[in-house]
Protein backbone atom coordinates (compact mmCIF):
# COMPACT_ATOMS: atom_id res chain seq x y z
CA ARG A 1 -4.06 -22.44 -1.62
CA VAL A 2 -2.66 -20.32 1.21
CA LEU A 3 -1.53 -16.90 0.04
CA PHE A 4 0.28 -15.99 3.24
CA ARG A 5 1.03 -17.18 6.71
CA SER A 6 -0.61 -15.33 9.54
CA ILE A 7 1.90 -13.50 11.72
CA SER A 8 1.47 -11.30 14.77
CA TRP A 9 1.73 -7.52 14.81
CA ASN A 10 4.86 -7.87 16.96
CA GLU A 11 6.51 -10.00 14.29
CA ILE A 12 5.38 -7.56 11.60
CA ARG A 13 6.88 -4.64 13.56
CA HIS A 14 10.13 -6.59 14.02
CA ASN A 15 10.19 -7.34 10.26
CA ALA A 16 9.56 -3.64 9.52
CA VAL A 17 12.56 -2.57 11.60
CA ALA A 18 14.80 -5.03 9.71
CA PHE A 19 13.30 -3.94 6.36
CA ALA A 20 14.02 -0.26 7.10
CA LYS A 21 17.64 -1.03 8.00
CA ASP A 22 18.11 -3.12 4.85
CA TRP A 23 16.78 -0.36 2.59
CA ALA A 24 18.42 2.68 4.20
CA GLY A 25 20.29 4.66 1.57
CA VAL A 26 18.94 2.83 -1.50
CA SER A 27 17.92 5.30 -4.17
CA ARG A 28 17.54 3.97 -7.74
CA GLU A 29 14.09 2.84 -8.88
CA GLU A 30 15.31 0.98 -11.96
CA ALA A 31 17.82 -1.05 -9.98
CA GLU A 32 15.89 -1.93 -6.84
CA ALA A 33 12.14 -1.20 -6.87
CA LYS A 34 10.92 -4.72 -7.64
CA THR A 35 13.07 -6.31 -4.94
CA PHE A 36 11.99 -3.55 -2.53
CA TRP A 37 8.31 -4.48 -3.00
CA ASP A 38 8.93 -8.21 -2.76
CA GLU A 39 10.67 -7.56 0.58
CA PHE A 40 7.97 -5.10 1.69
CA PHE A 41 5.25 -7.73 1.32
CA LYS A 42 7.42 -10.21 3.26
CA VAL A 43 7.27 -7.80 6.22
CA PHE A 44 3.60 -8.87 6.44
CA GLY A 45 4.24 -12.57 5.81
CA ILE A 46 3.12 -12.50 2.17
CA LYS A 47 4.78 -13.51 -1.08
CA ARG A 48 4.05 -10.56 -3.36
CA ARG A 49 3.57 -12.66 -6.46
CA THR A 50 0.61 -14.46 -4.88
CA VAL A 51 -1.43 -11.24 -4.81
CA ALA A 52 0.19 -8.62 -7.05
CA SER A 53 2.13 -8.32 -10.30
CA PHE A 54 4.67 -5.89 -11.68
CA GLU A 55 4.25 -3.77 -14.81
CA GLU A 56 0.51 -4.25 -15.38
CA PRO A 57 -0.37 -2.80 -18.80
CA VAL A 58 -3.17 -0.22 -19.04
CA LYS A 59 -4.27 1.75 -22.09
CA ASN A 60 -5.31 5.38 -21.73
CA LEU A 61 -8.04 7.09 -23.78
CA ALA A 62 -5.45 8.25 -26.32
CA GLY A 63 -4.66 4.58 -26.96
CA ASN A 64 -1.18 4.66 -25.43
CA TRP A 65 0.00 1.89 -23.14
CA SER A 66 1.40 2.59 -19.70
CA TYR A 67 2.57 0.19 -17.02
CA ILE A 68 1.59 0.18 -13.35
CA ASP A 69 4.69 -0.48 -11.23
CA LEU A 70 2.82 -2.90 -8.93
CA PHE A 71 -0.83 -3.90 -9.24
CA TRP A 72 -3.04 -5.90 -6.88
CA PRO A 73 -6.45 -5.94 -8.60
CA ALA A 74 -9.25 -4.33 -6.59
CA THR A 75 -6.82 -3.59 -3.75
CA LEU A 76 -3.64 -1.64 -4.52
CA ILE A 77 -1.64 0.33 -7.05
CA VAL A 78 1.99 1.16 -6.24
CA GLU A 79 4.05 3.77 -8.03
CA HIS A 80 7.71 3.86 -7.14
CA LYS A 81 10.20 6.62 -7.86
CA SER A 82 13.90 7.12 -7.29
CA ARG A 83 14.85 8.83 -4.03
CA GLY A 84 14.03 12.52 -4.08
CA GLU A 85 11.61 12.42 -7.02
CA SER A 86 8.14 13.93 -6.58
CA LEU A 87 5.72 11.61 -4.83
CA ASP A 88 2.89 13.99 -5.76
CA LYS A 89 3.62 13.22 -9.42
CA ALA A 90 3.66 9.51 -8.58
CA GLU A 91 0.24 9.85 -6.95
CA SER A 92 -1.09 11.71 -9.98
CA GLN A 93 0.26 8.94 -12.21
CA ALA A 94 -1.48 6.29 -10.07
CA MET A 95 -4.77 8.20 -10.29
CA LYS A 96 -4.43 8.25 -14.09
CA TYR A 97 -3.98 4.48 -14.03
CA ILE A 98 -7.20 4.10 -12.05
CA ARG A 99 -8.98 6.29 -14.61
CA SER A 100 -7.53 4.14 -17.41
CA LEU A 101 -8.72 0.95 -15.69
CA LYS A 102 -12.23 2.38 -15.42
CA ASP A 103 -12.21 3.68 -18.99
CA ALA A 104 -11.23 0.18 -20.15
CA GLY A 105 -14.23 -1.35 -18.35
CA ARG A 106 -12.08 -2.74 -15.56
CA ASP A 107 -13.99 -0.95 -12.75
CA ASP A 108 -13.96 -4.11 -10.63
CA GLU A 109 -10.14 -3.96 -10.61
CA ALA A 110 -9.92 -0.34 -9.43
CA PRO A 111 -8.08 -0.37 -6.11
CA ARG A 112 -8.96 1.10 -2.75
CA TYR A 113 -5.34 1.95 -1.92
CA ILE A 114 -2.47 3.77 -3.60
CA ILE A 115 1.07 3.59 -2.27
CA VAL A 116 3.82 5.80 -3.61
CA SER A 117 7.41 5.59 -2.47
CA ASP A 118 10.92 6.85 -3.17
CA PHE A 119 12.82 4.42 -0.88
CA GLU A 120 12.85 7.05 1.89
CA TRP A 121 9.15 7.85 2.16
CA ILE A 122 5.94 5.89 1.73
CA TYR A 123 2.62 7.64 1.22
CA LEU A 124 -0.45 5.46 1.71
CA HIS A 125 -3.68 6.82 0.24
CA ASP A 126 -6.99 5.21 1.25
CA LEU A 127 -9.36 6.19 -1.54
CA ASP A 128 -12.43 5.07 0.44
CA ASP A 129 -11.95 7.47 3.34
CA GLY A 130 -9.78 10.03 1.54
CA LYS A 131 -7.01 9.83 4.15
CA THR A 132 -3.28 9.87 3.42
CA SER A 133 -0.55 8.66 5.75
CA GLU A 134 2.98 9.88 5.04
CA MET A 135 5.77 8.00 6.77
CA GLN A 136 9.51 7.65 6.54
CA ILE A 137 10.53 4.07 5.92
CA ALA A 138 12.93 4.35 8.86
CA ASN A 139 9.80 4.61 11.05
CA LEU A 140 7.70 2.03 9.22
CA HIS A 141 7.43 -0.13 12.34
CA HIS A 142 5.32 2.62 13.96
CA TRP A 143 2.90 2.62 11.02
CA VAL A 144 2.50 -1.05 10.07
CA GLN A 145 -1.12 -1.24 11.18
CA LYS A 146 -2.01 1.27 8.44
CA PHE A 147 -1.19 -1.59 6.07
CA ALA A 148 -3.56 -4.08 7.78
CA PHE A 149 -5.19 -4.80 4.41
CA ILE A 150 -2.00 -6.48 3.17
CA PRO A 151 -2.07 -9.42 5.60
CA GLY A 152 -5.88 -9.36 5.55
CA TYR A 153 -6.54 -7.89 8.97
CA GLN A 154 -9.75 -5.92 9.32
CA GLN A 155 -9.61 -2.32 10.51
CA HIS A 156 -12.57 -1.58 12.75
CA LYS A 157 -13.75 1.97 13.11
CA LEU A 158 -15.74 2.86 16.18
CA ASP A 159 -18.35 5.58 16.12
CA ASP A 160 -18.12 7.60 19.34
CA GLU A 161 -21.86 8.23 19.25
CA ASP A 162 -22.78 4.56 18.83
CA PRO A 163 -25.25 3.68 21.64
CA ILE A 164 -23.26 0.54 22.44
CA ASN A 165 -20.10 2.64 22.94
CA ILE A 166 -21.97 5.12 25.12
CA ARG A 167 -23.30 2.28 27.29
CA ALA A 168 -19.82 0.73 27.50
CA VAL A 169 -18.35 4.03 28.68
CA ALA A 170 -21.15 4.37 31.24
CA LEU A 171 -20.46 0.87 32.56
CA LEU A 172 -16.73 1.59 32.80
CA GLY A 173 -17.48 4.84 34.65
């Protein structure tokens, strides 16, 4: 079964511009967050429900249930807040969910990425390399390649000291 249709980066950027315009000024998590994320995944040519679910239950060590706003097992946790609420608190909440997953023996479902948003900002945290990208949704089209994991594109990192790179530079010189 095909989970998404492959689209070009140009089409993704175009979709991101339209997405940003559609969501300008929206502010209430309870009213709009689920639709926001369905539309966000469409920017990348993906139907959200084929990869991720809303309100995934997790139990903490105290035995209390909490619910992850959006969960893509082994890939992504999203925590969404209303405009202006603390995204640092949202990140802390997402980290607690990861701890709860691990404590429940669900280590294989712990994600690499955390996204937090308040309709105006999106923070993308890559837990493998420890880097965070903070972007305004109005400028999402400039940042879409940071989300290459969503449509399944591979991000290649080049090591400047790699002998092949050194030889390539020498040949170009």
